[in-house]
Amino acid sequence: MNKEEQRLESYRRTVAVIVAVVVVTLSFLIIRPFLVAILSAAALAYIFYPFYLNILRLLPKKLRAKELGSVLTCLFIVLLVLVPTVFVTIVLGSEARSGYVFLQNFMLNQQPLNNLPPFLTQFAGFLPQFKELTADLVGQLVGPLQSIIKSVPVVILNIFITVFSMYYFLKHGKDLYNFFAELVPLPTGRYKQIIARFDDLSRGMIMGQIVVALVQGVLAGCGFLLLGVPNPVLLGFLTAIISIFPLLGAAIVWVPVDVYLFLSAFSTGEFWRAIVLLVYGTFVISLIDNIIKPKIVGDRAKIHPLIILFGILGGIQLFGIAGILIGPLILTIFDVGIEIYKETL
């Protein structure tokens, strides 16, 4: 190959690289408004892919099994995940506002503190100091929830894109696997090792943290509702969110609520509510974590708490509420990549 041909070949490669970069950049700009919806769809499709495979085994082969199986799986995900999420978000928007008003009235009036016994009166003086802190925390929660409610059309569009994308992710799961296997060629069997490791980590993280936290949130919300605690959905939601984070626990929510019931009982005489919540919170809400997590996770997935913590916090900051699911999964991919890199050294 002479110099002229080398220059022409180099020119063609340079142009091809420039065109590829421009096309990739423009493609990213096009899908960027829907990036969270697409990533959420990919995460949900991956989580429920075993459910999709089980449906395929049950469907007659004469039917268009892939299409029907994808539709049925999407309907199941909508009923199990999206519908409750939308409902809880709407209720949270209402309860966050009423909870903010309730805390303001409680801090200003301090009616439950008027009938305290003498040995507790000295501690009551410290409660007003938390007024500004409490108002700021609740105000930060009210803002995002109300903004979500105000942007209902955008939320509906994102839900449609999520469901639509899930359908094709489920239907073409094997095709996507083959595409990435050809795009990034690795030694034979390496992709199976990657998928197996990622599956253990991600499902262990999801089942061990998020699902258990949701169970704790539901149990806490039901307990608050039956005991007549104000804003039970909001408090149950806070319990679920806090329970997701490592080293934190549901007691951070139910213990202050129990203290409130105990203080209120000096005015109402209903000490039984505080006693019931103390027993229920100790032996049900908080203890359920240690009971069900080992059974549903086992020893197949050992994830460092920092991966979960940074994945959730960073995911929420980058992707919003969907980041609770997307963030840890992305860091799980990073963890798998580091392990593969160490194996190849």
Protein backbone atom coordinates (compact mmCIF):
# COMPACT_ATOMS: atom_id res chain seq x y z
CA MET A 1 0.00 0.00 0.00
CA ASN A 2 1.57 3.29 -1.12
CA LYS A 3 1.45 6.56 0.82
CA GLU A 4 -1.54 7.89 -1.14
CA GLU A 5 -3.60 4.82 -0.31
CA GLN A 6 -2.54 5.02 3.34
CA ARG A 7 -3.63 8.66 3.52
CA LEU A 8 -6.95 7.81 1.91
CA GLU A 9 -7.49 4.94 4.32
CA SER A 10 -6.60 7.14 7.30
CA TYR A 11 -8.95 9.84 6.01
CA ARG A 12 -11.79 7.34 5.69
CA ARG A 13 -11.24 6.07 9.22
CA THR A 14 -11.15 9.59 10.60
CA VAL A 15 -14.38 10.51 8.83
CA ALA A 16 -16.01 7.29 9.99
CA VAL A 17 -15.03 7.99 13.61
CA ILE A 18 -16.31 11.59 13.41
CA VAL A 19 -19.62 10.46 11.87
CA ALA A 20 -19.98 7.74 14.50
CA VAL A 21 -19.36 10.22 17.34
CA VAL A 22 -21.86 12.72 15.88
CA VAL A 23 -24.51 10.04 15.39
CA VAL A 24 -24.02 8.63 18.89
CA THR A 25 -24.17 12.12 20.40
CA LEU A 26 -27.35 13.03 18.52
CA SER A 27 -28.90 9.68 19.40
CA PHE A 28 -28.16 10.27 23.07
CA LEU A 29 -29.66 13.76 22.92
CA ILE A 30 -32.81 12.30 21.35
CA ILE A 31 -33.34 9.63 24.00
CA ARG A 32 -32.06 11.68 26.94
CA PRO A 33 -35.55 12.94 27.96
CA PHE A 34 -36.67 9.31 28.17
CA LEU A 35 -33.45 7.85 29.55
CA VAL A 36 -34.87 7.20 33.03
CA ALA A 37 -37.94 5.50 31.56
CA ILE A 38 -35.77 3.31 29.31
CA LEU A 39 -33.38 2.35 32.11
CA SER A 40 -36.33 1.62 34.39
CA ALA A 41 -37.83 -0.60 31.70
CA ALA A 42 -34.53 -2.44 31.28
CA ALA A 43 -34.21 -2.97 35.04
CA LEU A 44 -37.80 -4.20 35.40
CA ALA A 45 -37.51 -6.45 32.36
CA TYR A 46 -34.34 -7.99 33.77
CA ILE A 47 -35.87 -8.53 37.21
CA PHE A 48 -39.03 -10.15 35.84
CA TYR A 49 -37.35 -12.07 33.00
CA PRO A 50 -37.57 -15.39 34.92
CA PHE A 51 -41.30 -14.77 35.31
CA TYR A 52 -41.50 -14.19 31.56
CA LEU A 53 -39.68 -17.47 30.86
CA ASN A 54 -42.10 -19.35 33.11
CA ILE A 55 -45.03 -17.88 31.19
CA LEU A 56 -43.47 -19.01 27.91
CA ARG A 57 -43.30 -22.58 29.21
CA LEU A 58 -46.99 -22.52 30.06
CA LEU A 59 -48.19 -21.04 26.76
CA PRO A 60 -49.04 -23.36 23.83
CA LYS A 61 -46.34 -23.36 21.16
CA LYS A 62 -48.90 -22.73 18.42
CA LEU A 63 -49.59 -19.26 19.79
CA ARG A 64 -47.26 -16.33 19.31
CA ALA A 65 -45.69 -17.13 22.65
CA LYS A 66 -43.10 -14.35 22.77
CA GLU A 67 -45.60 -11.60 22.03
CA LEU A 68 -48.27 -12.96 24.36
CA GLY A 69 -45.77 -13.73 27.10
CA SER A 70 -44.34 -10.21 26.90
CA VAL A 71 -47.82 -8.67 27.09
CA LEU A 72 -48.82 -10.80 30.09
CA THR A 73 -45.56 -10.01 31.88
CA CYS A 74 -45.98 -6.28 31.24
CA LEU A 75 -49.53 -6.42 32.60
CA PHE A 76 -48.27 -8.23 35.69
CA ILE A 77 -45.55 -5.59 36.23
CA VAL A 78 -48.05 -2.77 35.75
CA LEU A 79 -50.43 -4.26 38.33
CA LEU A 80 -47.66 -5.16 40.76
CA VAL A 81 -45.36 -2.13 40.44
CA LEU A 82 -46.62 0.82 38.44
CA VAL A 83 -50.22 1.04 39.66
CA PRO A 84 -49.27 0.90 43.37
CA THR A 85 -46.44 3.37 42.73
CA VAL A 86 -48.76 5.92 41.10
CA PHE A 87 -51.38 5.45 43.82
CA VAL A 88 -48.87 5.81 46.65
CA THR A 89 -47.33 8.89 45.00
CA ILE A 90 -50.72 10.62 44.81
CA VAL A 91 -51.54 9.73 48.43
CA LEU A 92 -48.09 10.82 49.55
CA GLY A 93 -48.56 14.24 47.95
CA SER A 94 -51.69 14.75 50.01
CA GLU A 95 -50.32 13.32 53.23
CA ALA A 96 -47.03 15.22 52.96
CA ARG A 97 -48.92 18.52 52.99
CA SER A 98 -51.17 17.48 55.89
CA GLY A 99 -48.16 16.06 57.74
CA TYR A 100 -46.34 19.36 57.35
CA VAL A 101 -49.32 21.23 58.83
CA PHE A 102 -49.62 18.65 61.63
CA LEU A 103 -45.97 19.03 62.65
CA GLN A 104 -46.23 22.81 62.60
CA ASN A 105 -49.29 22.72 64.86
CA PHE A 106 -47.65 20.19 67.16
CA MET A 107 -44.50 22.29 67.55
CA LEU A 108 -46.39 25.55 68.01
CA ASN A 109 -49.25 24.47 70.25
CA GLN A 110 -47.54 21.61 72.09
CA GLN A 111 -50.93 20.51 73.44
CA PRO A 112 -49.77 16.92 74.17
CA LEU A 113 -47.05 18.40 76.41
CA ASN A 114 -49.35 20.30 78.73
CA ASN A 115 -50.33 17.32 80.86
CA LEU A 116 -46.93 15.69 81.19
CA PRO A 117 -45.86 14.42 84.63
CA PRO A 118 -43.19 16.49 86.41
CA PHE A 119 -40.32 14.08 85.66
CA LEU A 120 -40.91 14.53 81.90
CA THR A 121 -41.56 18.26 81.89
CA GLN A 122 -37.85 19.09 81.94
CA PHE A 123 -37.36 17.22 78.65
CA ALA A 124 -40.27 19.01 76.95
CA GLY A 125 -38.27 22.21 76.69
CA PHE A 126 -35.93 20.61 74.17
CA LEU A 127 -38.68 19.76 71.67
CA PRO A 128 -39.22 23.28 70.22
CA GLN A 129 -35.56 23.33 69.21
CA PHE A 130 -36.38 20.72 66.55
CA LYS A 131 -39.10 22.87 64.99
CA GLU A 132 -36.99 24.39 62.20
CA LEU A 133 -35.19 21.13 61.44
CA THR A 134 -38.46 19.21 61.19
CA ALA A 135 -40.04 21.87 59.01
CA ASP A 136 -37.07 21.82 56.63
CA LEU A 137 -37.07 18.03 56.33
CA VAL A 138 -40.78 17.81 55.66
CA GLY A 139 -40.61 20.76 53.28
CA GLN A 140 -37.93 18.98 51.24
CA LEU A 141 -40.21 15.95 51.01
CA VAL A 142 -43.31 17.96 50.06
CA GLY A 143 -41.60 19.72 47.15
CA PRO A 144 -40.63 16.66 45.05
CA LEU A 145 -43.95 14.92 45.68
CA GLN A 146 -45.99 17.94 44.65
CA SER A 147 -43.83 18.48 41.56
CA ILE A 148 -44.49 14.87 40.53
CA ILE A 149 -48.23 15.38 40.91
CA LYS A 150 -48.13 18.63 38.92
CA SER A 151 -46.28 16.90 36.08
CA VAL A 152 -48.91 14.18 35.65
CA PRO A 153 -48.85 14.32 31.79
CA VAL A 154 -45.08 13.78 31.79
CA VAL A 155 -45.43 10.93 34.28
CA ILE A 156 -48.09 9.27 32.11
CA LEU A 157 -45.82 9.59 29.06
CA ASN A 158 -42.89 8.06 30.96
CA ILE A 159 -45.06 5.20 32.17
CA PHE A 160 -46.17 4.51 28.59
CA ILE A 161 -42.55 4.54 27.38
CA THR A 162 -41.51 2.27 30.26
CA VAL A 163 -44.21 -0.31 29.51
CA PHE A 164 -43.61 -0.10 25.74
CA SER A 165 -39.85 -0.57 26.23
CA MET A 166 -40.36 -3.44 28.67
CA TYR A 167 -42.36 -5.31 26.04
CA TYR A 168 -39.49 -5.25 23.55
CA PHE A 169 -36.79 -5.88 26.16
CA LEU A 170 -38.63 -9.05 27.19
CA LYS A 171 -39.44 -10.15 23.67
CA HIS A 172 -35.92 -9.61 22.33
CA GLY A 173 -33.94 -10.55 25.46
CA LYS A 174 -31.84 -13.19 23.70
CA ASP A 175 -31.27 -10.92 20.71
CA LEU A 176 -29.94 -8.18 23.00
CA TYR A 177 -27.66 -10.70 24.69
CA ASN A 178 -26.25 -11.79 21.31
CA PHE A 179 -25.87 -8.16 20.21
CA PHE A 180 -23.72 -7.21 23.20
CA ALA A 181 -21.77 -10.46 22.92
CA GLU A 182 -20.84 -9.52 19.34
CA LEU A 183 -20.27 -5.85 20.19
CA VAL A 184 -17.75 -6.62 22.96
CA PRO A 185 -16.15 -9.98 22.12
CA LEU A 186 -14.97 -11.93 25.16
CA PRO A 187 -13.58 -15.46 25.58
CA THR A 188 -16.06 -18.34 25.33
CA GLY A 189 -18.07 -18.77 28.49
CA ARG A 190 -17.07 -15.38 29.91
CA TYR A 191 -20.49 -13.82 29.27
CA LYS A 192 -22.18 -16.66 31.12
CA GLN A 193 -19.91 -16.03 34.10
CA ILE A 194 -20.68 -12.31 33.95
CA ILE A 195 -24.43 -12.86 33.75
CA ALA A 196 -24.35 -15.44 36.57
CA ARG A 197 -22.35 -13.15 38.86
CA PHE A 198 -24.45 -10.10 38.01
CA ASP A 199 -27.62 -12.11 38.54
CA ASP A 200 -26.52 -13.20 42.01
CA LEU A 201 -25.47 -9.71 43.05
CA SER A 202 -28.40 -7.80 41.59
CA ARG A 203 -31.13 -10.18 42.70
CA GLY A 204 -29.53 -10.52 46.11
CA MET A 205 -29.41 -6.74 46.41
CA ILE A 206 -32.99 -6.28 45.20
CA MET A 207 -34.48 -9.08 47.27
CA GLY A 208 -32.29 -8.43 50.28
CA GLN A 209 -32.68 -4.68 50.51
CA ILE A 210 -35.52 -3.27 48.43
CA VAL A 211 -38.11 -6.04 48.80
CA VAL A 212 -37.44 -6.44 52.53
CA ALA A 213 -37.67 -2.66 52.98
CA LEU A 214 -40.98 -2.59 51.11
CA VAL A 215 -42.31 -5.34 53.40
CA GLN A 216 -41.24 -3.33 56.43
CA GLY A 217 -42.86 -0.20 55.01
CA VAL A 218 -46.15 -2.00 54.37
CA LEU A 219 -46.15 -3.55 57.85
CA ALA A 220 -45.35 -0.20 59.43
CA GLY A 221 -48.02 1.63 57.40
CA CYS A 222 -50.67 -0.94 58.31
CA GLY A 223 -49.72 -0.69 61.99
CA PHE A 224 -49.89 3.11 61.94
CA LEU A 225 -53.25 2.98 60.17
CA LEU A 226 -54.80 0.54 62.66
CA LEU A 227 -53.51 2.55 65.61
CA GLY A 228 -54.91 5.81 64.24
CA VAL A 229 -51.54 7.50 63.70
CA PRO A 230 -51.80 10.56 61.41
CA ASN A 231 -50.48 10.14 57.84
CA PRO A 232 -49.87 6.37 57.92
CA VAL A 233 -48.98 6.11 54.20
CA LEU A 234 -46.35 8.83 54.51
CA LEU A 235 -44.84 7.22 57.61
CA GLY A 236 -44.90 3.79 55.98
CA PHE A 237 -43.16 5.23 52.91
CA LEU A 238 -40.48 6.82 55.09
CA THR A 239 -40.00 3.51 56.89
CA ALA A 240 -39.47 1.70 53.57
CA ILE A 241 -37.02 4.32 52.27
CA ILE A 242 -34.95 4.42 55.46
CA SER A 243 -34.93 0.62 55.74
CA ILE A 244 -33.29 0.37 52.31
CA PHE A 245 -30.14 2.09 53.50
CA PRO A 246 -27.55 -0.07 55.24
CA LEU A 247 -26.94 0.53 58.97
CA LEU A 248 -30.27 2.35 59.26
CA GLY A 249 -33.47 0.72 60.41
CA ALA A 250 -37.21 1.07 60.61
CA ALA A 251 -36.90 2.06 64.28
CA ILE A 252 -35.78 5.51 63.15
CA VAL A 253 -39.40 6.10 62.10
CA TRP A 254 -41.58 4.07 64.46
CA VAL A 255 -39.75 4.96 67.68
CA PRO A 256 -40.44 8.74 67.37
CA VAL A 257 -44.05 7.89 66.46
CA ASP A 258 -44.28 5.75 69.59
CA VAL A 259 -42.87 8.61 71.65
CA TYR A 260 -45.55 10.87 70.19
CA LEU A 261 -48.27 8.36 71.12
CA PHE A 262 -46.82 8.06 74.60
CA LEU A 263 -46.78 11.83 75.13
CA SER A 264 -50.28 12.18 73.69
CA ALA A 265 -51.54 9.48 76.05
CA PHE A 266 -51.05 11.81 79.04
CA SER A 267 -53.84 13.92 77.56
CA THR A 268 -56.03 11.18 76.06
CA GLY A 269 -55.35 8.36 78.48
CA GLU A 270 -54.83 5.91 75.56
CA PHE A 271 -51.54 4.39 76.66
CA TRP A 272 -52.46 1.11 74.99
CA ARG A 273 -51.67 2.55 71.55
CA ALA A 274 -48.10 3.39 72.57
CA ILE A 275 -47.65 -0.03 74.19
CA VAL A 276 -49.04 -1.87 71.16
CA LEU A 277 -46.78 0.07 68.76
CA LEU A 278 -43.76 -0.59 70.99
CA VAL A 279 -44.39 -4.35 70.91
CA TYR A 280 -45.40 -4.38 67.23
CA GLY A 281 -42.45 -2.25 66.17
CA THR A 282 -39.93 -4.30 68.14
CA PHE A 283 -41.09 -7.81 67.28
CA VAL A 284 -42.67 -7.30 63.84
CA ILE A 285 -41.46 -4.20 61.95
CA SER A 286 -37.81 -4.33 63.04
CA LEU A 287 -37.43 -8.06 63.57
CA ILE A 288 -38.89 -9.08 60.19
CA ASP A 289 -35.66 -7.86 58.56
CA ASN A 290 -33.58 -10.51 60.37
CA ILE A 291 -36.14 -13.24 59.69
CA ILE A 292 -36.97 -12.99 56.00
CA LYS A 293 -33.73 -11.58 54.54
CA PRO A 294 -31.61 -14.72 55.18
CA LYS A 295 -34.38 -16.93 53.78
CA ILE A 296 -34.93 -15.08 50.49
CA VAL A 297 -31.30 -14.13 49.87
CA GLY A 298 -29.16 -16.76 51.54
CA ASP A 299 -25.41 -16.66 50.95
CA ARG A 300 -25.48 -16.33 47.18
CA ALA A 301 -24.95 -12.57 47.11
CA LYS A 302 -22.59 -10.70 49.38
CA ILE A 303 -22.64 -7.02 48.48
CA HIS A 304 -20.67 -4.39 50.34
CA PRO A 305 -23.00 -1.96 52.12
CA LEU A 306 -21.24 1.02 50.50
CA ILE A 307 -22.27 -0.22 47.03
CA ILE A 308 -25.90 -0.25 48.10
CA LEU A 309 -25.64 3.08 49.95
CA PHE A 310 -23.90 5.00 47.16
CA GLY A 311 -25.97 3.26 44.51
CA ILE A 312 -29.24 4.35 46.11
CA LEU A 313 -28.19 7.89 47.05
CA GLY A 314 -26.45 8.57 43.75
CA GLY A 315 -29.20 6.87 41.79
CA ILE A 316 -31.89 9.03 43.42
CA GLN A 317 -29.89 12.19 42.75
CA LEU A 318 -29.29 11.26 39.11
CA PHE A 319 -32.50 9.46 38.14
CA GLY A 320 -35.05 10.46 40.79
CA ILE A 321 -37.18 7.81 42.54
CA ALA A 322 -36.30 5.29 39.82
CA GLY A 323 -32.68 5.58 40.95
CA ILE A 324 -33.48 3.40 43.97
CA LEU A 325 -33.53 0.52 41.50
CA ILE A 326 -31.24 1.76 38.72
CA GLY A 327 -28.36 3.10 40.84
CA PRO A 328 -27.43 -0.10 42.69
CA LEU A 329 -27.77 -2.14 39.49
CA ILE A 330 -25.28 0.13 37.71
CA LEU A 331 -22.80 -0.15 40.59
CA THR A 332 -23.34 -3.90 40.56
CA ILE A 333 -22.19 -3.93 36.92
CA PHE A 334 -19.14 -1.93 38.03
CA ASP A 335 -18.44 -4.46 40.80
CA VAL A 336 -18.66 -7.34 38.30
CA GLY A 337 -16.35 -5.47 35.92
CA ILE A 338 -13.72 -5.01 38.65
CA GLU A 339 -13.82 -8.72 39.49
CA ILE A 340 -13.40 -9.66 35.83
CA TYR A 341 -10.49 -7.23 35.53
CA LYS A 342 -8.77 -8.78 38.55
CA GLU A 343 -9.26 -12.28 37.10
CA THR A 344 -7.63 -11.30 33.81
CA LEU A 345 -4.51 -9.81 35.42
